[in-house]
């Protein structure tokens, strides 16, 4: 599967490594080349500098052939915008984005945008841990 990951923070770099090890064709896009230091040694994918809400940058990373697009930057607005561009302009089949704000996450989920809120997920895990 050809996967594009926007954001090479801890989550993006970890996901890129996991997918690369599993044999997927992975491209990581980040606005800061220094972020690529987080990628695991032996990473066989591509790491390119660019903005995931810029259509030209997305074309450079092969968005038109992508099977999946994952947006995991620190900014909800950038993740939402990039996910919408990938899904609606480029027709990427599987688009997932991280949204920290649970209210936004619920809204965008209801509009058909596949998203995860680490805020909600972690709070649920802590509650389960506390009650066990």
Protein backbone atom coordinates (compact mmCIF):
# COMPACT_ATOMS: atom_id res chain seq x y z
CA UNK A 1 0.00 0.00 0.00
CA UNK A 2 1.25 3.51 -0.81
CA UNK A 3 0.84 5.66 2.31
CA UNK A 4 1.57 9.35 2.78
CA UNK A 5 2.03 10.59 6.34
CA UNK A 6 1.86 14.32 6.96
CA UNK A 7 3.82 15.15 10.10
CA UNK A 8 7.03 13.57 11.32
CA UNK A 9 6.64 14.06 15.03
CA UNK A 10 6.73 11.14 17.43
CA UNK A 11 3.52 9.57 16.13
CA UNK A 12 4.22 10.17 12.44
CA UNK A 13 7.77 8.83 12.68
CA UNK A 14 6.68 5.78 14.69
CA UNK A 15 3.85 5.02 12.27
CA UNK A 16 6.19 5.47 9.28
CA UNK A 17 8.62 2.97 10.79
CA UNK A 18 5.90 0.43 11.55
CA UNK A 19 4.40 0.65 8.06
CA UNK A 20 7.83 0.55 6.41
CA UNK A 21 8.77 -2.58 8.37
CA UNK A 22 5.46 -4.16 7.30
CA UNK A 23 6.46 -3.64 3.67
CA UNK A 24 4.35 -0.63 2.73
CA UNK A 25 5.54 2.17 0.43
CA UNK A 26 5.75 5.10 2.88
CA UNK A 27 6.35 8.79 2.21
CA UNK A 28 6.60 11.25 5.08
CA UNK A 29 5.91 14.93 4.50
CA UNK A 30 6.94 17.59 7.02
CA UNK A 31 7.64 21.32 6.83
CA UNK A 32 10.85 20.95 8.87
CA UNK A 33 13.60 18.63 7.65
CA UNK A 34 14.95 18.39 11.21
CA UNK A 35 11.85 16.33 12.09
CA UNK A 36 13.09 13.47 9.91
CA UNK A 37 15.73 12.64 12.56
CA UNK A 38 12.92 10.80 14.37
CA UNK A 39 12.60 8.23 11.60
CA UNK A 40 14.09 4.87 12.55
CA UNK A 41 17.47 3.89 11.17
CA UNK A 42 16.99 1.70 8.15
CA UNK A 43 13.80 3.52 7.09
CA UNK A 44 13.41 2.71 3.39
CA UNK A 45 10.63 5.18 2.61
CA UNK A 46 10.86 8.77 1.43
CA UNK A 47 11.05 11.88 3.58
CA UNK A 48 10.23 15.14 1.82
CA UNK A 49 9.96 18.73 3.01
CA UNK A 50 6.64 20.35 2.20
CA UNK A 51 3.31 21.63 3.42
CA UNK A 52 0.47 19.10 3.33
CA UNK A 53 -2.13 21.74 2.54
CA UNK A 54 -0.25 22.79 -0.60
CA UNK A 55 -1.60 20.89 -3.61
CA UNK A 56 1.73 21.13 -5.46
CA UNK A 57 3.60 19.66 -2.49
CA UNK A 58 1.06 16.85 -2.33
CA UNK A 59 1.53 16.13 -6.03
CA UNK A 60 5.32 15.99 -5.50
CA UNK A 61 4.88 13.26 -2.88
CA UNK A 62 2.60 11.24 -5.15
CA UNK A 63 -0.83 11.94 -3.66
CA UNK A 64 -2.48 10.97 -6.94
CA UNK A 65 -1.24 7.37 -6.53
CA UNK A 66 -1.71 7.15 -2.75
CA UNK A 67 -3.88 4.45 -1.20
CA UNK A 68 -3.92 6.21 2.17
CA UNK A 69 -3.18 9.63 3.66
CA UNK A 70 -2.60 10.16 7.38
CA UNK A 71 -2.44 13.67 8.89
CA UNK A 72 -0.72 13.76 12.30
CA UNK A 73 0.73 17.24 12.70
CA UNK A 74 0.28 19.17 15.95
CA UNK A 75 -2.40 21.38 14.37
CA UNK A 76 -6.03 20.31 14.15
CA UNK A 77 -6.78 22.87 11.44
CA UNK A 78 -3.88 21.73 9.23
CA UNK A 79 -4.81 18.08 9.71
CA UNK A 80 -8.44 18.75 8.86
CA UNK A 81 -7.58 20.84 5.79
CA UNK A 82 -5.02 18.37 4.47
CA UNK A 83 -7.39 15.44 5.03
CA UNK A 84 -10.16 17.23 3.15
CA UNK A 85 -7.80 18.05 0.25
CA UNK A 86 -6.55 14.45 0.07
CA UNK A 87 -10.07 13.04 0.18
CA UNK A 88 -12.08 15.48 -1.91
CA UNK A 89 -9.57 16.93 -4.38
CA UNK A 90 -7.30 13.94 -4.94
CA UNK A 91 -9.76 11.14 -4.17
CA UNK A 92 -7.51 9.20 -1.79
CA UNK A 93 -9.49 6.15 -0.68
CA UNK A 94 -8.42 6.07 2.97
CA UNK A 95 -7.83 9.32 4.82
CA UNK A 96 -7.35 9.50 8.58
CA UNK A 97 -6.45 12.52 10.67
CA UNK A 98 -5.63 13.22 14.28
CA UNK A 99 -7.78 15.88 15.92
CA UNK A 100 -6.97 16.83 19.50
CA UNK A 101 -10.26 18.66 20.17
CA UNK A 102 -12.95 16.01 20.88
CA UNK A 103 -15.77 18.35 19.81
CA UNK A 104 -14.17 18.94 16.42
CA UNK A 105 -13.45 15.25 16.08
CA UNK A 106 -17.10 14.37 16.58
CA UNK A 107 -18.20 17.05 14.10
CA UNK A 108 -15.80 15.97 11.38
CA UNK A 109 -16.58 12.30 11.96
CA UNK A 110 -20.25 13.12 11.37
CA UNK A 111 -19.25 14.78 8.08
CA UNK A 112 -17.47 11.64 6.92
CA UNK A 113 -13.90 12.51 7.83
CA UNK A 114 -12.21 9.55 9.50
CA UNK A 115 -10.48 10.94 12.55
CA UNK A 116 -9.08 10.01 15.94
CA UNK A 117 -8.86 12.15 19.05
CA UNK A 118 -5.94 11.17 21.28
CA UNK A 119 -7.54 13.31 23.99
CA UNK A 120 -10.60 11.07 24.09
CA UNK A 121 -8.68 7.83 23.60
CA UNK A 122 -6.20 8.57 26.38
CA UNK A 123 -8.87 9.79 28.81
CA UNK A 124 -10.82 6.54 28.23
CA UNK A 125 -7.67 4.46 28.82
CA UNK A 126 -6.89 6.33 32.05
CA UNK A 127 -10.45 5.83 33.31
CA UNK A 128 -10.27 2.08 32.58
CA UNK A 129 -6.89 1.84 34.29
CA UNK A 130 -8.12 3.71 37.32
CA UNK A 131 -11.24 1.55 37.64
CA UNK A 132 -9.47 -1.78 37.17
